[in-house]
Amino acid sequence: MSYNNYGMIELAVLLFLIVLMVSGFIYLFCKRVIYKLNRRVLARNMALIKNGRYLQKVESLSEAEIREKLIYPFFMVLGYNTYDMREFQSFVGRNGSMPDYLVKKWDHSKFCKTALAIKYIDFSEDDVDFDAKICKDKAGNPLNINEMSDKVYFKSEYYILTNGYLYLFYNRRDKKCKDNFIFSFNVKNYSKADASELAHYTKQCLFLEISDVYRV
């Protein structure tokens, strides 16, 4: 191979690295901007659920009402289209070991990724040890996401257990995630710091990928 050919290869590799670095910078910049915008409005929008009449009487709501009046609105505030069955797929009533909902990203009718797997469970705040980040079942054993996180069927980035107003987030990349959640959000009582952390799980943040930069 001639010296000129080596020079062309080196130039091509250099250009590729430059494009990769610039794309990565644009991606991180866009993600940061999106996060900051979501963080500003999330607490205010979530207050619509917090101050709504359904949350005030959650103890008297049926499971179907909790799903319709509390869970769906929660994820709508996070930006997900709960009316689009491709984006917010429901498995309610199909299999007890499956998530109730899977949140998926589609692009030009092509499935891209599964961001969230969500499961409704009837638990109370007393069942949650917020210091140890463990939620216990009625028998006092830690709830886990072993079945829901089966890699054969589900490859979600995050798993969420909820009773309608308390949302426990598990990260599948965390080795402890089978028992320990990484973040909890209580719609009844949350701080600005809680809302800021929740902003990371909005549709705009979770669905944005570096490949989207090349389409701009």
C-alpha atoms as a PDB file:
ATOM      1  CA  MET A   1       0.000   0.000   0.000  1.00  0.00           C
ATOM      2  CA  SER A   2       1.382   3.394  -0.969  1.00  0.00           C
ATOM      3  CA  TYR A   3       2.174   6.258   1.383  1.00  0.00           C
ATOM      4  CA  ASN A   4      -0.726   8.280  -0.109  1.00  0.00           C
ATOM      5  CA  ASN A   5      -3.170   5.501   0.722  1.00  0.00           C
ATOM      6  CA  TYR A   6      -1.974   5.429   4.324  1.00  0.00           C
ATOM      7  CA  GLY A   7      -2.435   9.194   4.454  1.00  0.00           C
ATOM      8  CA  MET A   8      -6.004   8.917   3.155  1.00  0.00           C
ATOM      9  CA  ILE A   9      -6.835   6.269   5.754  1.00  0.00           C
ATOM     10  CA  GLU A  10      -5.409   8.381   8.550  1.00  0.00           C
ATOM     11  CA  LEU A  11      -7.355  11.411   7.327  1.00  0.00           C
ATOM     12  CA  ALA A  12     -10.577   9.381   7.146  1.00  0.00           C
ATOM     13  CA  VAL A  13     -10.063   8.053  10.680  1.00  0.00           C
ATOM     14  CA  LEU A  14      -9.340  11.576  11.930  1.00  0.00           C
ATOM     15  CA  LEU A  15     -12.478  12.969  10.292  1.00  0.00           C
ATOM     16  CA  PHE A  16     -14.515  10.121  11.758  1.00  0.00           C
ATOM     17  CA  LEU A  17     -13.204  10.847  15.253  1.00  0.00           C
ATOM     18  CA  ILE A  18     -13.927  14.562  14.846  1.00  0.00           C
ATOM     19  CA  VAL A  19     -17.484  13.885  13.701  1.00  0.00           C
ATOM     20  CA  LEU A  20     -17.958  11.444  16.581  1.00  0.00           C
ATOM     21  CA  MET A  21     -16.690  13.946  19.142  1.00  0.00           C
ATOM     22  CA  VAL A  22     -18.807  16.791  17.753  1.00  0.00           C
ATOM     23  CA  SER A  23     -21.893  14.551  17.645  1.00  0.00           C
ATOM     24  CA  GLY A  24     -21.297  13.468  21.226  1.00  0.00           C
ATOM     25  CA  PHE A  25     -20.951  17.074  22.339  1.00  0.00           C
ATOM     26  CA  ILE A  26     -24.172  18.082  20.546  1.00  0.00           C
ATOM     27  CA  TYR A  27     -25.975  15.087  22.056  1.00  0.00           C
ATOM     28  CA  LEU A  28     -24.874  15.898  25.607  1.00  0.00           C
ATOM     29  CA  PHE A  29     -25.665  19.589  25.113  1.00  0.00           C
ATOM     30  CA  CYS A  30     -29.170  18.856  23.778  1.00  0.00           C
ATOM     31  CA  LYS A  31     -29.864  16.362  26.549  1.00  0.00           C
ATOM     32  CA  ARG A  32     -28.776  18.881  29.174  1.00  0.00           C
ATOM     33  CA  VAL A  33     -30.969  21.613  27.693  1.00  0.00           C
ATOM     34  CA  ILE A  34     -33.951  19.263  27.474  1.00  0.00           C
ATOM     35  CA  TYR A  35     -33.419  18.174  31.065  1.00  0.00           C
ATOM     36  CA  LYS A  36     -33.286  21.744  32.337  1.00  0.00           C
ATOM     37  CA  LEU A  37     -36.475  22.674  30.477  1.00  0.00           C
ATOM     38  CA  ASN A  38     -38.293  19.614  31.824  1.00  0.00           C
ATOM     39  CA  ARG A  39     -37.047  20.283  35.340  1.00  0.00           C
ATOM     40  CA  ARG A  40     -38.559  23.773  35.307  1.00  0.00           C
ATOM     41  CA  VAL A  41     -42.077  22.703  34.369  1.00  0.00           C
ATOM     42  CA  LEU A  42     -42.297  19.221  35.886  1.00  0.00           C
ATOM     43  CA  ALA A  43     -42.998  20.228  39.491  1.00  0.00           C
ATOM     44  CA  ARG A  44     -45.721  22.628  38.365  1.00  0.00           C
ATOM     45  CA  ASN A  45     -47.370  20.097  36.068  1.00  0.00           C
ATOM     46  CA  MET A  46     -47.149  17.327  38.656  1.00  0.00           C
ATOM     47  CA  ALA A  47     -48.986  19.628  41.081  1.00  0.00           C
ATOM     48  CA  LEU A  48     -52.108  19.167  38.924  1.00  0.00           C
ATOM     49  CA  ILE A  49     -52.184  15.533  40.059  1.00  0.00           C
ATOM     50  CA  LYS A  50     -51.082  16.313  43.616  1.00  0.00           C
ATOM     51  CA  ASN A  51     -53.876  18.838  44.122  1.00  0.00           C
ATOM     52  CA  GLY A  52     -56.467  16.898  42.143  1.00  0.00           C
ATOM     53  CA  ARG A  53     -59.530  15.373  43.742  1.00  0.00           C
ATOM     54  CA  TYR A  54     -58.611  11.794  42.862  1.00  0.00           C
ATOM     55  CA  LEU A  55     -55.385  11.713  44.841  1.00  0.00           C
ATOM     56  CA  GLN A  56     -57.176  13.095  47.886  1.00  0.00           C
ATOM     57  CA  LYS A  57     -59.414  10.010  47.973  1.00  0.00           C
ATOM     58  CA  VAL A  58     -56.985   7.409  46.637  1.00  0.00           C
ATOM     59  CA  GLU A  59     -57.859   4.947  49.428  1.00  0.00           C
ATOM     60  CA  SER A  60     -61.419   4.686  48.123  1.00  0.00           C
ATOM     61  CA  LEU A  61     -60.492   4.278  44.451  1.00  0.00           C
ATOM     62  CA  SER A  62     -60.690   0.937  42.693  1.00  0.00           C
ATOM     63  CA  GLU A  63     -57.645  -0.481  40.912  1.00  0.00           C
ATOM     64  CA  ALA A  64     -59.112   0.501  37.545  1.00  0.00           C
ATOM     65  CA  GLU A  65     -59.690   4.058  38.770  1.00  0.00           C
ATOM     66  CA  ILE A  66     -56.140   4.290  40.129  1.00  0.00           C
ATOM     67  CA  ARG A  67     -54.795   3.282  36.744  1.00  0.00           C
ATOM     68  CA  GLU A  68     -57.010   5.704  34.833  1.00  0.00           C
ATOM     69  CA  LYS A  69     -57.017   8.701  37.199  1.00  0.00           C
ATOM     70  CA  LEU A  70     -53.508   8.545  38.668  1.00  0.00           C
ATOM     71  CA  ILE A  71     -51.058   6.304  36.795  1.00  0.00           C
ATOM     72  CA  TYR A  72     -51.948   7.390  33.269  1.00  0.00           C
ATOM     73  CA  PRO A  73     -51.867  11.122  34.144  1.00  0.00           C
ATOM     74  CA  PHE A  74     -48.498  10.663  35.896  1.00  0.00           C
ATOM     75  CA  PHE A  75     -46.870   9.338  32.744  1.00  0.00           C
ATOM     76  CA  MET A  76     -48.669  11.894  30.603  1.00  0.00           C
ATOM     77  CA  VAL A  77     -46.993  14.599  32.697  1.00  0.00           C
ATOM     78  CA  LEU A  78     -43.682  12.872  31.971  1.00  0.00           C
ATOM     79  CA  GLY A  79     -44.475  13.343  28.283  1.00  0.00           C
ATOM     80  CA  TYR A  80     -45.549   9.836  27.251  1.00  0.00           C
ATOM     81  CA  ASN A  81     -48.543   9.317  25.007  1.00  0.00           C
ATOM     82  CA  THR A  82     -50.614   6.866  27.041  1.00  0.00           C
ATOM     83  CA  TYR A  83     -53.194   6.727  24.236  1.00  0.00           C
ATOM     84  CA  ASP A  84     -50.691   5.357  21.711  1.00  0.00           C
ATOM     85  CA  MET A  85     -50.579   1.607  22.235  1.00  0.00           C
ATOM     86  CA  ARG A  86     -47.262   1.363  20.422  1.00  0.00           C
ATOM     87  CA  GLU A  87     -45.625   3.829  22.812  1.00  0.00           C
ATOM     88  CA  PHE A  88     -47.502   2.890  25.985  1.00  0.00           C
ATOM     89  CA  GLN A  89     -48.292  -0.811  25.608  1.00  0.00           C
ATOM     90  CA  SER A  90     -50.653  -2.380  28.132  1.00  0.00           C
ATOM     91  CA  PHE A  91     -50.492  -5.951  29.456  1.00  0.00           C
ATOM     92  CA  VAL A  92     -52.986  -5.439  32.282  1.00  0.00           C
ATOM     93  CA  GLY A  93     -54.852  -8.661  33.048  1.00  0.00           C
ATOM     94  CA  ARG A  94     -52.790 -10.837  30.737  1.00  0.00           C
ATOM     95  CA  ASN A  95     -50.166 -12.349  33.035  1.00  0.00           C
ATOM     96  CA  GLY A  96     -49.401 -11.608  36.674  1.00  0.00           C
ATOM     97  CA  SER A  97     -45.638 -11.888  36.172  1.00  0.00           C
ATOM     98  CA  MET A  98     -45.546  -9.402  33.312  1.00  0.00           C
ATOM     99  CA  PRO A  99     -45.305  -5.619  33.606  1.00  0.00           C
ATOM    100  CA  ASP A 100     -48.642  -3.847  33.334  1.00  0.00           C
ATOM    101  CA  TYR A 101     -47.200  -1.336  30.859  1.00  0.00           C
ATOM    102  CA  LEU A 102     -44.173  -1.108  28.604  1.00  0.00           C
ATOM    103  CA  VAL A 103     -43.042   2.285  27.365  1.00  0.00           C
ATOM    104  CA  LYS A 104     -41.366   1.975  23.967  1.00  0.00           C
ATOM    105  CA  LYS A 105     -39.729   4.270  21.475  1.00  0.00           C
ATOM    106  CA  TRP A 106     -40.763   3.993  17.839  1.00  0.00           C
ATOM    107  CA  ASP A 107     -39.181   5.866  14.945  1.00  0.00           C
ATOM    108  CA  HIS A 108     -40.606   5.776  11.437  1.00  0.00           C
ATOM    109  CA  SER A 109     -42.649   2.679  12.386  1.00  0.00           C
ATOM    110  CA  LYS A 110     -39.511   0.892  13.610  1.00  0.00           C
ATOM    111  CA  PHE A 111     -39.135  -0.252  17.198  1.00  0.00           C
ATOM    112  CA  CYS A 112     -36.021   1.323  18.735  1.00  0.00           C
ATOM    113  CA  LYS A 113     -35.918   0.682  22.489  1.00  0.00           C
ATOM    114  CA  THR A 114     -37.928  -0.087  25.607  1.00  0.00           C
ATOM    115  CA  ALA A 115     -37.425   2.655  28.171  1.00  0.00           C
ATOM    116  CA  LEU A 116     -39.727   1.710  31.054  1.00  0.00           C
ATOM    117  CA  ALA A 117     -41.536  -1.326  32.437  1.00  0.00           C
ATOM    118  CA  ILE A 118     -44.282  -0.445  34.933  1.00  0.00           C
ATOM    119  CA  LYS A 119     -46.132  -2.585  37.466  1.00  0.00           C
ATOM    120  CA  TYR A 120     -49.018  -1.627  39.761  1.00  0.00           C
ATOM    121  CA  ILE A 121     -48.845  -3.257  43.207  1.00  0.00           C
ATOM    122  CA  ASP A 122     -51.037  -2.567  46.200  1.00  0.00           C
ATOM    123  CA  PHE A 123     -48.520  -1.462  48.831  1.00  0.00           C
ATOM    124  CA  SER A 124     -48.432   1.369  51.360  1.00  0.00           C
ATOM    125  CA  GLU A 125     -45.736   3.800  52.437  1.00  0.00           C
ATOM    126  CA  ASP A 126     -45.280   1.718  55.601  1.00  0.00           C
ATOM    127  CA  ASP A 127     -44.084  -1.149  53.400  1.00  0.00           C
ATOM    128  CA  VAL A 128     -41.191   0.962  52.096  1.00  0.00           C
ATOM    129  CA  ASP A 129     -37.846   1.383  53.844  1.00  0.00           C
ATOM    130  CA  PHE A 130     -36.616   4.587  52.214  1.00  0.00           C
ATOM    131  CA  ASP A 131     -33.220   4.411  53.900  1.00  0.00           C
ATOM    132  CA  ALA A 132     -32.464   0.879  52.693  1.00  0.00           C
ATOM    133  CA  LYS A 133     -34.406   1.531  49.443  1.00  0.00           C
ATOM    134  CA  ILE A 134     -36.440  -1.647  49.832  1.00  0.00           C
ATOM    135  CA  CYS A 135     -40.170  -2.240  49.430  1.00  0.00           C
ATOM    136  CA  LYS A 136     -41.594  -5.203  51.344  1.00  0.00           C
ATOM    137  CA  ASP A 137     -44.608  -7.359  50.560  1.00  0.00           C
ATOM    138  CA  LYS A 138     -47.329  -8.325  53.010  1.00  0.00           C
ATOM    139  CA  ALA A 139     -45.156 -11.159  54.349  1.00  0.00           C
ATOM    140  CA  GLY A 140     -42.311  -8.753  55.058  1.00  0.00           C
ATOM    141  CA  ASN A 141     -40.101  -9.987  52.218  1.00  0.00           C
ATOM    142  CA  PRO A 142     -38.442  -7.514  49.823  1.00  0.00           C
ATOM    143  CA  LEU A 143     -40.343  -7.041  46.594  1.00  0.00           C
ATOM    144  CA  ASN A 144     -38.129  -7.694  43.590  1.00  0.00           C
ATOM    145  CA  ILE A 145     -38.371  -7.387  39.844  1.00  0.00           C
ATOM    146  CA  ASN A 146     -36.945 -10.789  38.935  1.00  0.00           C
ATOM    147  CA  GLU A 147     -39.873 -11.861  36.785  1.00  0.00           C
ATOM    148  CA  MET A 148     -40.563  -8.444  35.334  1.00  0.00           C
ATOM    149  CA  SER A 149     -36.908  -7.958  34.349  1.00  0.00           C
ATOM    150  CA  ASP A 150     -36.500 -11.312  32.593  1.00  0.00           C
ATOM    151  CA  LYS A 151     -34.065 -10.451  29.788  1.00  0.00           C
ATOM    152  CA  VAL A 152     -35.637 -13.037  27.515  1.00  0.00           C
ATOM    153  CA  TYR A 153     -38.760 -10.918  27.249  1.00  0.00           C
ATOM    154  CA  PHE A 154     -38.013  -7.449  28.602  1.00  0.00           C
ATOM    155  CA  LYS A 155     -35.001  -5.215  28.153  1.00  0.00           C
ATOM    156  CA  SER A 156     -36.251  -2.010  29.668  1.00  0.00           C
ATOM    157  CA  GLU A 157     -33.761   0.501  30.982  1.00  0.00           C
ATOM    158  CA  TYR A 158     -35.802   1.125  34.131  1.00  0.00           C
ATOM    159  CA  TYR A 159     -38.528  -0.699  36.045  1.00  0.00           C
ATOM    160  CA  ILE A 160     -41.175   1.047  38.121  1.00  0.00           C
ATOM    161  CA  LEU A 161     -43.353  -0.332  40.899  1.00  0.00           C
ATOM    162  CA  THR A 162     -46.239   1.920  41.909  1.00  0.00           C
ATOM    163  CA  ASN A 163     -49.317   1.995  44.121  1.00  0.00           C
ATOM    164  CA  GLY A 164     -50.717   4.934  42.193  1.00  0.00           C
ATOM    165  CA  TYR A 165     -48.991   7.794  43.959  1.00  0.00           C
ATOM    166  CA  LEU A 166     -45.659   6.342  45.124  1.00  0.00           C
ATOM    167  CA  TYR A 167     -43.297   5.397  42.300  1.00  0.00           C
ATOM    168  CA  LEU A 168     -40.204   3.243  42.929  1.00  0.00           C
ATOM    169  CA  PHE A 169     -37.600   3.275  40.146  1.00  0.00           C
ATOM    170  CA  TYR A 170     -35.260   0.320  39.598  1.00  0.00           C
ATOM    171  CA  ASN A 171     -32.286   0.311  37.238  1.00  0.00           C
ATOM    172  CA  ARG A 172     -31.601  -2.974  35.449  1.00  0.00           C
ATOM    173  CA  ARG A 173     -27.905  -2.093  35.158  1.00  0.00           C
ATOM    174  CA  ASP A 174     -27.634  -1.896  38.940  1.00  0.00           C
ATOM    175  CA  LYS A 175     -26.647  -5.271  40.431  1.00  0.00           C
ATOM    176  CA  LYS A 176     -28.831  -4.565  43.456  1.00  0.00           C
ATOM    177  CA  CYS A 177     -31.891  -3.640  41.419  1.00  0.00           C
ATOM    178  CA  LYS A 178     -33.636  -6.951  42.091  1.00  0.00           C
ATOM    179  CA  ASP A 179     -34.445  -5.729  45.604  1.00  0.00           C
ATOM    180  CA  ASN A 180     -33.268  -2.114  45.908  1.00  0.00           C
ATOM    181  CA  PHE A 181     -34.819   0.790  44.065  1.00  0.00           C
ATOM    182  CA  ILE A 182     -32.605   3.732  43.088  1.00  0.00           C
ATOM    183  CA  PHE A 183     -35.165   6.520  43.374  1.00  0.00           C
ATOM    184  CA  SER A 184     -38.650   7.062  44.784  1.00  0.00           C
ATOM    185  CA  PHE A 185     -41.154   9.764  43.938  1.00  0.00           C
ATOM    186  CA  ASN A 186     -44.193  10.458  46.095  1.00  0.00           C
ATOM    187  CA  VAL A 187     -46.834  12.518  44.304  1.00  0.00           C
ATOM    188  CA  LYS A 188     -48.413  13.358  47.661  1.00  0.00           C
ATOM    189  CA  ASN A 189     -45.238  14.872  49.040  1.00  0.00           C
ATOM    190  CA  TYR A 190     -42.270  15.775  46.845  1.00  0.00           C
ATOM    191  CA  SER A 191     -39.534  18.393  46.899  1.00  0.00           C
ATOM    192  CA  LYS A 192     -37.849  20.385  44.143  1.00  0.00           C
ATOM    193  CA  ALA A 193     -34.954  17.931  44.366  1.00  0.00           C
ATOM    194  CA  ASP A 194     -37.377  15.027  43.800  1.00  0.00           C
ATOM    195  CA  ALA A 195     -38.863  16.771  40.750  1.00  0.00           C
ATOM    196  CA  SER A 196     -35.367  17.460  39.429  1.00  0.00           C
ATOM    197  CA  GLU A 197     -34.485  13.776  39.689  1.00  0.00           C
ATOM    198  CA  LEU A 198     -37.787  12.758  38.104  1.00  0.00           C
ATOM    199  CA  ALA A 199     -36.980  14.965  35.105  1.00  0.00           C
ATOM    200  CA  HIS A 200     -34.369  12.397  34.040  1.00  0.00           C
ATOM    201  CA  TYR A 201     -37.211   9.946  33.312  1.00  0.00           C
ATOM    202  CA  THR A 202     -39.230  12.155  30.976  1.00  0.00           C
ATOM    203  CA  LYS A 203     -39.884  11.033  27.437  1.00  0.00           C
ATOM    204  CA  GLN A 204     -37.610  13.669  25.940  1.00  0.00           C
ATOM    205  CA  CYS A 205     -34.661  12.595  28.115  1.00  0.00           C
ATOM    206  CA  LEU A 206     -35.055   8.826  27.851  1.00  0.00           C
ATOM    207  CA  PHE A 207     -35.947   8.728  24.169  1.00  0.00           C
ATOM    208  CA  LEU A 208     -33.153  11.023  22.944  1.00  0.00           C
ATOM    209  CA  GLU A 209     -30.262   9.032  21.465  1.00  0.00           C
ATOM    210  CA  ILE A 210     -27.032  10.075  19.819  1.00  0.00           C
ATOM    211  CA  SER A 211     -28.324   8.755  16.481  1.00  0.00           C
ATOM    212  CA  ASP A 212     -30.976  11.492  16.625  1.00  0.00           C
ATOM    213  CA  VAL A 213     -28.187  14.076  16.280  1.00  0.00           C
ATOM    214  CA  TYR A 214     -27.465  12.951  12.740  1.00  0.00           C
ATOM    215  CA  ARG A 215     -31.053  13.653  11.729  1.00  0.00           C
ATOM    216  CA  VAL A 216     -30.877  17.303  12.779  1.00  0.00           C
END
